[in-house]
Amino acid sequence: MPELPLSALLRLDPQMTAYLNETNDLVYAAGVLSKKIKLLLAMVFDTAQGAEFGVRALYRFGRIEGPCLKVGSTPFSVTTLSGTVGP
């Protein structure tokens, strides 16, 4: 399995990794858009770029946050959106 891209950065520059983590917390803080919506958008962008590890990481974060929207009694699935993005 290939090494995760940020693993090399963590070894080479731990301060930069800490800065990225702080920025990440700021980006996903609740504001006009909820954290769930921001995670959904980031996942769609990563899907469009073919960033498999990014999609997987965002999926795990999204599972922790719970369903974003409900349509009737069925939770709205991220895969419904991500399946429509791309070439």
PDB file of N, CA and C in Angstrom:
ATOM      1  N   MET A   1       0.847  -1.176   0.000  1.00  0.00           N
ATOM      2  CA  MET A   1       0.000   0.000   0.000  1.00  0.00           C
ATOM      3  C   MET A   1       0.893   1.239   0.000  1.00  0.00           C
ATOM      4  N   PRO A   2       0.598   2.218  -0.845  1.00  0.00           N
ATOM      5  CA  PRO A   2       1.437   3.412  -0.898  1.00  0.00           C
ATOM      6  C   PRO A   2       1.328   4.231   0.384  1.00  0.00           C
ATOM      7  N   GLU A   3       2.392   4.954   0.644  1.00  0.00           N
ATOM      8  CA  GLU A   3       2.431   5.797   1.830  1.00  0.00           C
ATOM      9  C   GLU A   3       1.482   6.980   1.664  1.00  0.00           C
ATOM     10  N   LEU A   4       0.833   7.363   2.749  1.00  0.00           N
ATOM     11  CA  LEU A   4      -0.050   8.529   2.709  1.00  0.00           C
ATOM     12  C   LEU A   4       0.779   9.784   2.502  1.00  0.00           C
ATOM     13  N   PRO A   5       0.303  10.725   1.691  1.00  0.00           N
ATOM     14  CA  PRO A   5       1.092  11.926   1.373  1.00  0.00           C
ATOM     15  C   PRO A   5       1.500  12.745   2.592  1.00  0.00           C
ATOM     16  N   LEU A   6       0.643  12.854   3.576  1.00  0.00           N
ATOM     17  CA  LEU A   6       0.980  13.677   4.731  1.00  0.00           C
ATOM     18  C   LEU A   6       1.931  12.981   5.708  1.00  0.00           C
ATOM     19  N   SER A   7       2.138  11.679   5.550  1.00  0.00           N
ATOM     20  CA  SER A   7       3.087  10.973   6.415  1.00  0.00           C
ATOM     21  C   SER A   7       4.504  11.492   6.197  1.00  0.00           C
ATOM     22  N   ALA A   8       4.862  11.734   4.945  1.00  0.00           N
ATOM     23  CA  ALA A   8       6.196  12.268   4.643  1.00  0.00           C
ATOM     24  C   ALA A   8       6.350  13.675   5.217  1.00  0.00           C
ATOM     25  N   LEU A   9       5.294  14.478   5.108  1.00  0.00           N
ATOM     26  CA  LEU A   9       5.351  15.840   5.656  1.00  0.00           C
ATOM     27  C   LEU A   9       5.515  15.807   7.174  1.00  0.00           C
ATOM     28  N   LEU A  10       4.855  14.886   7.830  1.00  0.00           N
ATOM     29  CA  LEU A  10       4.968  14.762   9.282  1.00  0.00           C
ATOM     30  C   LEU A  10       6.407  14.453   9.689  1.00  0.00           C
ATOM     31  N   ARG A  11       7.070  13.575   8.944  1.00  0.00           N
ATOM     32  CA  ARG A  11       8.468  13.246   9.245  1.00  0.00           C
ATOM     33  C   ARG A  11       9.396  14.429   8.966  1.00  0.00           C
ATOM     34  N   LEU A  12       9.154  15.116   7.845  1.00  0.00           N
ATOM     35  CA  LEU A  12      10.062  16.179   7.421  1.00  0.00           C
ATOM     36  C   LEU A  12       9.840  17.495   8.159  1.00  0.00           C
ATOM     37  N   ASP A  13       8.580  17.827   8.449  1.00  0.00           N
ATOM     38  CA  ASP A  13       8.285  19.125   9.054  1.00  0.00           C
ATOM     39  C   ASP A  13       7.089  19.025   9.998  1.00  0.00           C
ATOM     40  N   PRO A  14       7.322  18.595  11.244  1.00  0.00           N
ATOM     41  CA  PRO A  14       6.224  18.437  12.198  1.00  0.00           C
ATOM     42  C   PRO A  14       5.496  19.755  12.498  1.00  0.00           C
ATOM     43  N   GLN A  15       6.212  20.877  12.444  1.00  0.00           N
ATOM     44  CA  GLN A  15       5.565  22.166  12.703  1.00  0.00           C
ATOM     45  C   GLN A  15       4.545  22.503  11.610  1.00  0.00           C
ATOM     46  N   MET A  16       4.894  22.216  10.373  1.00  0.00           N
ATOM     47  CA  MET A  16       3.968  22.464   9.272  1.00  0.00           C
ATOM     48  C   MET A  16       2.738  21.579   9.407  1.00  0.00           C
ATOM     49  N   THR A  17       2.937  20.334   9.825  1.00  0.00           N
ATOM     50  CA  THR A  17       1.814  19.432  10.028  1.00  0.00           C
ATOM     51  C   THR A  17       0.893  19.964  11.121  1.00  0.00           C
ATOM     52  N   ALA A  18       1.461  20.475  12.204  1.00  0.00           N
ATOM     53  CA  ALA A  18       0.653  21.068  13.275  1.00  0.00           C
ATOM     54  C   ALA A  18      -0.135  22.268  12.754  1.00  0.00           C
ATOM     55  N   TYR A  19       0.517  23.092  11.927  1.00  0.00           N
ATOM     56  CA  TYR A  19      -0.154  24.252  11.342  1.00  0.00           C
ATOM     57  C   TYR A  19      -1.327  23.810  10.459  1.00  0.00           C
ATOM     58  N   LEU A  20      -1.122  22.770   9.656  1.00  0.00           N
ATOM     59  CA  LEU A  20      -2.201  22.257   8.802  1.00  0.00           C
ATOM     60  C   LEU A  20      -3.369  21.747   9.639  1.00  0.00           C
ATOM     61  N   ASN A  21      -3.072  21.093  10.754  1.00  0.00           N
ATOM     62  CA  ASN A  21      -4.137  20.600  11.628  1.00  0.00           C
ATOM     63  C   ASN A  21      -4.929  21.754  12.245  1.00  0.00           C
ATOM     64  N   GLU A  22      -4.239  22.817  12.645  1.00  0.00           N
ATOM     65  CA  GLU A  22      -4.929  23.984  13.199  1.00  0.00           C
ATOM     66  C   GLU A  22      -5.805  24.641  12.128  1.00  0.00           C
ATOM     67  N   THR A  23      -5.273  24.748  10.921  1.00  0.00           N
ATOM     68  CA  THR A  23      -6.033  25.332   9.819  1.00  0.00           C
ATOM     69  C   THR A  23      -7.249  24.476   9.500  1.00  0.00           C
ATOM     70  N   ASN A  24      -7.073  23.181   9.551  1.00  0.00           N
ATOM     71  CA  ASN A  24      -8.172  22.251   9.294  1.00  0.00           C
ATOM     72  C   ASN A  24      -9.316  22.481  10.282  1.00  0.00           C
ATOM     73  N   ASP A  25      -8.970  22.663  11.557  1.00  0.00           N
ATOM     74  CA  ASP A  25      -9.984  22.925  12.578  1.00  0.00           C
ATOM     75  C   ASP A  25     -10.733  24.221  12.281  1.00  0.00           C
ATOM     76  N   LEU A  26     -10.016  25.227  11.832  1.00  0.00           N
ATOM     77  CA  LEU A  26     -10.626  26.511  11.500  1.00  0.00           C
ATOM     78  C   LEU A  26     -11.553  26.386  10.292  1.00  0.00           C
ATOM     79  N   VAL A  27     -11.111  25.688   9.270  1.00  0.00           N
ATOM     80  CA  VAL A  27     -11.901  25.535   8.040  1.00  0.00           C
ATOM     81  C   VAL A  27     -13.219  24.821   8.314  1.00  0.00           C
ATOM     82  N   TYR A  28     -13.185  23.778   9.122  1.00  0.00           N
ATOM     83  CA  TYR A  28     -14.383  22.982   9.350  1.00  0.00           C
ATOM     84  C   TYR A  28     -15.208  23.440  10.546  1.00  0.00           C
ATOM     85  N   ALA A  29     -14.879  24.577  11.135  1.00  0.00           N
ATOM     86  CA  ALA A  29     -15.680  25.118  12.228  1.00  0.00           C
ATOM     87  C   ALA A  29     -17.054  25.521  11.691  1.00  0.00           C
ATOM     88  N   ALA A  30     -18.068  25.411  12.524  1.00  0.00           N
ATOM     89  CA  ALA A  30     -19.420  25.781  12.101  1.00  0.00           C
ATOM     90  C   ALA A  30     -19.480  27.270  11.806  1.00  0.00           C
ATOM     91  N   GLY A  31     -20.137  27.607  10.748  1.00  0.00           N
ATOM     92  CA  GLY A  31     -20.307  28.997  10.337  1.00  0.00           C
ATOM     93  C   GLY A  31     -21.592  29.085   9.538  1.00  0.00           C
ATOM     94  N   VAL A  32     -21.536  29.760   8.397  1.00  0.00           N
ATOM     95  CA  VAL A  32     -22.710  29.831   7.533  1.00  0.00           C
ATOM     96  C   VAL A  32     -23.068  28.427   7.052  1.00  0.00           C
ATOM     97  N   LEU A  33     -22.042  27.655   6.695  1.00  0.00           N
ATOM     98  CA  LEU A  33     -22.257  26.261   6.321  1.00  0.00           C
ATOM     99  C   LEU A  33     -21.870  25.373   7.495  1.00  0.00           C
ATOM    100  N   SER A  34     -22.628  24.334   7.711  1.00  0.00           N
ATOM    101  CA  SER A  34     -22.310  23.418   8.799  1.00  0.00           C
ATOM    102  C   SER A  34     -21.071  22.596   8.452  1.00  0.00           C
ATOM    103  N   LYS A  35     -20.493  21.976   9.466  1.00  0.00           N
ATOM    104  CA  LYS A  35     -19.321  21.129   9.249  1.00  0.00           C
ATOM    105  C   LYS A  35     -19.659  19.975   8.316  1.00  0.00           C
ATOM    106  N   LYS A  36     -20.864  19.457   8.431  1.00  0.00           N
ATOM    107  CA  LYS A  36     -21.279  18.335   7.592  1.00  0.00           C
ATOM    108  C   LYS A  36     -21.304  18.728   6.113  1.00  0.00           C
ATOM    109  N   ILE A  37     -21.841  19.902   5.820  1.00  0.00           N
ATOM    110  CA  ILE A  37     -21.901  20.371   4.430  1.00  0.00           C
ATOM    111  C   ILE A  37     -20.491  20.606   3.901  1.00  0.00           C
ATOM    112  N   LYS A  38     -19.621  21.177   4.729  1.00  0.00           N
ATOM    113  CA  LYS A  38     -18.237  21.417   4.307  1.00  0.00           C
ATOM    114  C   LYS A  38     -17.519  20.104   4.012  1.00  0.00           C
ATOM    115  N   LEU A  39     -17.757  19.088   4.833  1.00  0.00           N
ATOM    116  CA  LEU A  39     -17.169  17.773   4.583  1.00  0.00           C
ATOM    117  C   LEU A  39     -17.694  17.179   3.278  1.00  0.00           C
ATOM    118  N   LEU A  40     -18.987  17.342   3.033  1.00  0.00           N
ATOM    119  CA  LEU A  40     -19.571  16.861   1.786  1.00  0.00           C
ATOM    120  C   LEU A  40     -18.930  17.534   0.580  1.00  0.00           C
ATOM    121  N   LEU A  41     -18.788  18.845   0.634  1.00  0.00           N
ATOM    122  CA  LEU A  41     -18.179  19.577  -0.481  1.00  0.00           C
ATOM    123  C   LEU A  41     -16.729  19.152  -0.693  1.00  0.00           C
ATOM    124  N   ALA A  42     -15.976  19.014   0.380  1.00  0.00           N
ATOM    125  CA  ALA A  42     -14.581  18.593   0.257  1.00  0.00           C
ATOM    126  C   ALA A  42     -14.490  17.200  -0.351  1.00  0.00           C
ATOM    127  N   MET A  43     -15.418  16.323   0.041  1.00  0.00           N
ATOM    128  CA  MET A  43     -15.419  14.967  -0.506  1.00  0.00           C
ATOM    129  C   MET A  43     -15.730  14.989  -2.003  1.00  0.00           C
ATOM    130  N   VAL A  44     -16.655  15.829  -2.409  1.00  0.00           N
ATOM    131  CA  VAL A  44     -16.989  15.935  -3.833  1.00  0.00           C
ATOM    132  C   VAL A  44     -15.789  16.449  -4.621  1.00  0.00           C
ATOM    133  N   PHE A  45     -15.086  17.451  -4.079  1.00  0.00           N
ATOM    134  CA  PHE A  45     -13.900  17.980  -4.758  1.00  0.00           C
ATOM    135  C   PHE A  45     -12.815  16.908  -4.880  1.00  0.00           C
ATOM    136  N   ASP A  46     -12.584  16.160  -3.794  1.00  0.00           N
ATOM    137  CA  ASP A  46     -11.577  15.101  -3.838  1.00  0.00           C
ATOM    138  C   ASP A  46     -11.979  13.999  -4.826  1.00  0.00           C
ATOM    139  N   THR A  47     -13.266  13.690  -4.878  1.00  0.00           N
ATOM    140  CA  THR A  47     -13.749  12.674  -5.815  1.00  0.00           C
ATOM    141  C   THR A  47     -13.500  13.122  -7.253  1.00  0.00           C
ATOM    142  N   ALA A  48     -13.787  14.382  -7.528  1.00  0.00           N
ATOM    143  CA  ALA A  48     -13.587  14.911  -8.878  1.00  0.00           C
ATOM    144  C   ALA A  48     -12.114  14.884  -9.278  1.00  0.00           C
ATOM    145  N   GLN A  49     -11.217  15.037  -8.303  1.00  0.00           N
ATOM    146  CA  GLN A  49      -9.777  15.018  -8.575  1.00  0.00           C
ATOM    147  C   GLN A  49      -9.188  13.609  -8.528  1.00  0.00           C
ATOM    148  N   GLY A  50      -9.978  12.633  -8.115  1.00  0.00           N
ATOM    149  CA  GLY A  50      -9.494  11.255  -8.044  1.00  0.00           C
ATOM    150  C   GLY A  50      -8.606  11.001  -6.846  1.00  0.00           C
ATOM    151  N   ALA A  51      -8.778  11.794  -5.776  1.00  0.00           N
ATOM    152  CA  ALA A  51      -7.958  11.660  -4.569  1.00  0.00           C
ATOM    153  C   ALA A  51      -8.592  10.624  -3.632  1.00  0.00           C
ATOM    154  N   GLU A  52      -8.270   9.372  -3.871  1.00  0.00           N
ATOM    155  CA  GLU A  52      -8.899   8.277  -3.134  1.00  0.00           C
ATOM    156  C   GLU A  52      -8.678   8.375  -1.623  1.00  0.00           C
ATOM    157  N   PHE A  53      -7.442   8.654  -1.212  1.00  0.00           N
ATOM    158  CA  PHE A  53      -7.153   8.727   0.230  1.00  0.00           C
ATOM    159  C   PHE A  53      -7.885   9.897   0.874  1.00  0.00           C
ATOM    160  N   GLY A  54      -8.014  11.000   0.143  1.00  0.00           N
ATOM    161  CA  GLY A  54      -8.756  12.153   0.663  1.00  0.00           C
ATOM    162  C   GLY A  54     -10.221  11.833   0.850  1.00  0.00           C
ATOM    163  N   VAL A  55     -10.802  11.133  -0.114  1.00  0.00           N
ATOM    164  CA  VAL A  55     -12.210  10.752  -0.019  1.00  0.00           C
ATOM    165  C   VAL A  55     -12.419   9.812   1.167  1.00  0.00           C
ATOM    166  N   ARG A  56     -11.508   8.863   1.318  1.00  0.00           N
ATOM    167  CA  ARG A  56     -11.638   7.922   2.444  1.00  0.00           C
ATOM    168  C   ARG A  56     -11.534   8.634   3.793  1.00  0.00           C
ATOM    169  N   ALA A  57     -10.592   9.552   3.912  1.00  0.00           N
ATOM    170  CA  ALA A  57     -10.424  10.284   5.177  1.00  0.00           C
ATOM    171  C   ALA A  57     -11.658  11.130   5.469  1.00  0.00           C
ATOM    172  N   LEU A  58     -12.150  11.835   4.464  1.00  0.00           N
ATOM    173  CA  LEU A  58     -13.338  12.670   4.657  1.00  0.00           C
ATOM    174  C   LEU A  58     -14.566  11.819   4.963  1.00  0.00           C
ATOM    175  N   TYR A  59     -14.644  10.647   4.353  1.00  0.00           N
ATOM    176  CA  TYR A  59     -15.742   9.731   4.639  1.00  0.00           C
ATOM    177  C   TYR A  59     -15.739   9.341   6.123  1.00  0.00           C
ATOM    178  N   ARG A  60     -14.545   9.018   6.650  1.00  0.00           N
ATOM    179  CA  ARG A  60     -14.452   8.653   8.074  1.00  0.00           C
ATOM    180  C   ARG A  60     -14.883   9.814   8.963  1.00  0.00           C
ATOM    181  N   PHE A  61     -14.434  11.026   8.633  1.00  0.00           N
ATOM    182  CA  PHE A  61     -14.853  12.198   9.418  1.00  0.00           C
ATOM    183  C   PHE A  61     -16.362  12.407   9.314  1.00  0.00           C
ATOM    184  N   GLY A  62     -16.902  12.207   8.122  1.00  0.00           N
ATOM    185  CA  GLY A  62     -18.335  12.377   7.914  1.00  0.00           C
ATOM    186  C   GLY A  62     -19.160  11.364   8.685  1.00  0.00           C
ATOM    187  N   ARG A  63     -18.665  10.134   8.783  1.00  0.00           N
ATOM    188  CA  ARG A  63     -19.378   9.109   9.548  1.00  0.00           C
ATOM    189  C   ARG A  63     -19.461   9.490  11.019  1.00  0.00           C
ATOM    190  N   ILE A  64     -18.425  10.140  11.519  1.00  0.00           N
ATOM    191  CA  ILE A  64     -18.432  10.587  12.915  1.00  0.00           C
ATOM    192  C   ILE A  64     -19.489  11.672  13.111  1.00  0.00           C
ATOM    193  N   GLU A  65     -19.624  12.561  12.124  1.00  0.00           N
ATOM    194  CA  GLU A  65     -20.581  13.664  12.210  1.00  0.00           C
ATOM    195  C   GLU A  65     -22.026  13.206  12.064  1.00  0.00           C
ATOM    196  N   GLY A  66     -22.248  12.111  11.363  1.00  0.00           N
ATOM    197  CA  GLY A  66     -23.601  11.603  11.168  1.00  0.00           C
ATOM    198  C   GLY A  66     -24.207  12.083   9.861  1.00  0.00           C
ATOM    199  N   PRO A  67     -25.471  11.687   9.586  1.00  0.00           N
ATOM    200  CA  PRO A  67     -26.112  12.054   8.321  1.00  0.00           C
ATOM    201  C   PRO A  67     -26.246  13.564   8.177  1.00  0.00           C
ATOM    202  N   CYS A  68     -26.150  14.018   6.960  1.00  0.00           N
ATOM    203  CA  CYS A  68     -26.191  15.451   6.667  1.00  0.00           C
ATOM    204  C   CYS A  68     -27.627  15.926   6.462  1.00  0.00           C
ATOM    205  N   LEU A  69     -28.324  15.274   5.599  1.00  0.00           N
ATOM    206  CA  LEU A  69     -29.698  15.635   5.282  1.00  0.00           C
ATOM    207  C   LEU A  69     -30.544  14.375   5.310  1.00  0.00           C
ATOM    208  N   LYS A  70     -31.812  14.535   5.557  1.00  0.00           N
ATOM    209  CA  LYS A  70     -32.698  13.384   5.486  1.00  0.00           C
ATOM    210  C   LYS A  70     -33.768  13.660   4.450  1.00  0.00           C
ATOM    211  N   VAL A  71     -33.970  12.700   3.585  1.00  0.00           N
ATOM    212  CA  VAL A  71     -35.023  12.778   2.591  1.00  0.00           C
ATOM    213  C   VAL A  71     -36.057  11.746   3.006  1.00  0.00           C
ATOM    214  N   GLY A  72     -37.188  12.195   3.482  1.00  0.00           N
ATOM    215  CA  GLY A  72     -38.170  11.273   4.039  1.00  0.00           C
ATOM    216  C   GLY A  72     -37.579  10.639   5.280  1.00  0.00           C
ATOM    217  N   SER A  73     -37.563   9.316   5.315  1.00  0.00           N
ATOM    218  CA  SER A  73     -36.965   8.627   6.456  1.00  0.00           C
ATOM    219  C   SER A  73     -35.615   8.016   6.108  1.00  0.00           C
ATOM    220  N   THR A  74     -35.132   8.259   4.879  1.00  0.00           N
ATOM    221  CA  THR A  74     -33.870   7.682   4.433  1.00  0.00           C
ATOM    222  C   THR A  74     -32.765   8.723   4.522  1.00  0.00           C
ATOM    223  N   PRO A  75     -31.658   8.448   5.226  1.00  0.00           N
ATOM    224  CA  PRO A  75     -30.552   9.410   5.263  1.00  0.00           C
ATOM    225  C   PRO A  75     -29.994   9.656   3.874  1.00  0.00           C
ATOM    226  N   PHE A  76     -29.704  10.908   3.586  1.00  0.00           N
ATOM    227  CA  PHE A  76     -29.133  11.299   2.297  1.00  0.00           C
ATOM    228  C   PHE A  76     -27.692  10.818   2.257  1.00  0.00           C
ATOM    229  N   SER A  77     -27.321  10.102   1.221  1.00  0.00           N
ATOM    230  CA  SER A  77     -26.004   9.495   1.133  1.00  0.00           C
ATOM    231  C   SER A  77     -25.015  10.362   0.376  1.00  0.00           C
ATOM    232  N   VAL A  78     -23.785  10.439   0.869  1.00  0.00           N
ATOM    233  CA  VAL A  78     -22.718  11.176   0.194  1.00  0.00           C
ATOM    234  C   VAL A  78     -22.434  10.546  -1.155  1.00  0.00           C
ATOM    235  N   THR A  79     -22.567   9.249  -1.267  1.00  0.00           N
ATOM    236  CA  THR A  79     -22.267   8.593  -2.531  1.00  0.00           C
ATOM    237  C   THR A  79     -23.251   9.002  -3.620  1.00  0.00           C
ATOM    238  N   THR A  80     -24.421   9.438  -3.241  1.00  0.00           N
ATOM    239  CA  THR A  80     -25.388   9.929  -4.228  1.00  0.00           C
ATOM    240  C   THR A  80     -24.828  11.153  -4.932  1.00  0.00           C
ATOM    241  N   LEU A  81     -24.220  12.061  -4.167  1.00  0.00           N
ATOM    242  CA  LEU A  81     -23.621  13.249  -4.748  1.00  0.00           C
ATOM    243  C   LEU A  81     -22.325  12.930  -5.484  1.00  0.00           C
ATOM    244  N   SER A  82     -21.445  12.170  -4.859  1.00  0.00           N
ATOM    245  CA  SER A  82     -20.135  11.947  -5.445  1.00  0.00           C
ATOM    246  C   SER A  82     -20.218  11.100  -6.709  1.00  0.00           C
ATOM    247  N   GLY A  83     -21.276  10.317  -6.879  1.00  0.00           N
ATOM    248  CA  GLY A  83     -21.428   9.523  -8.083  1.00  0.00           C
ATOM    249  C   GLY A  83     -21.748  10.366  -9.310  1.00  0.00           C
ATOM    250  N   THR A  84     -22.182  11.607  -9.098  1.00  0.00           N
ATOM    251  CA  THR A  84     -22.548  12.460 -10.229  1.00  0.00           C
ATOM    252  C   THR A  84     -21.442  13.415 -10.624  1.00  0.00           C
ATOM    253  N   VAL A  85     -20.304  13.371  -9.936  1.00  0.00           N
ATOM    254  CA  VAL A  85     -19.215  14.313 -10.189  1.00  0.00           C
ATOM    255  C   VAL A  85     -18.122  13.625 -10.982  1.00  0.00           C
ATOM    256  N   GLY A  86     -17.487  14.367 -11.846  1.00  0.00           N
ATOM    257  CA  GLY A  86     -16.358  13.827 -12.580  1.00  0.00           C
ATOM    258  C   GLY A  86     -16.606  13.828 -14.079  1.00  0.00           C
ATOM    259  N   PRO A  87     -15.611  13.319 -14.811  1.00  0.00           N
ATOM    260  CA  PRO A  87     -15.720  13.338 -16.269  1.00  0.00           C
ATOM    261  C   PRO A  87     -16.818  12.446 -16.804  1.00  0.00           C
TER     262      PRO A  87
END
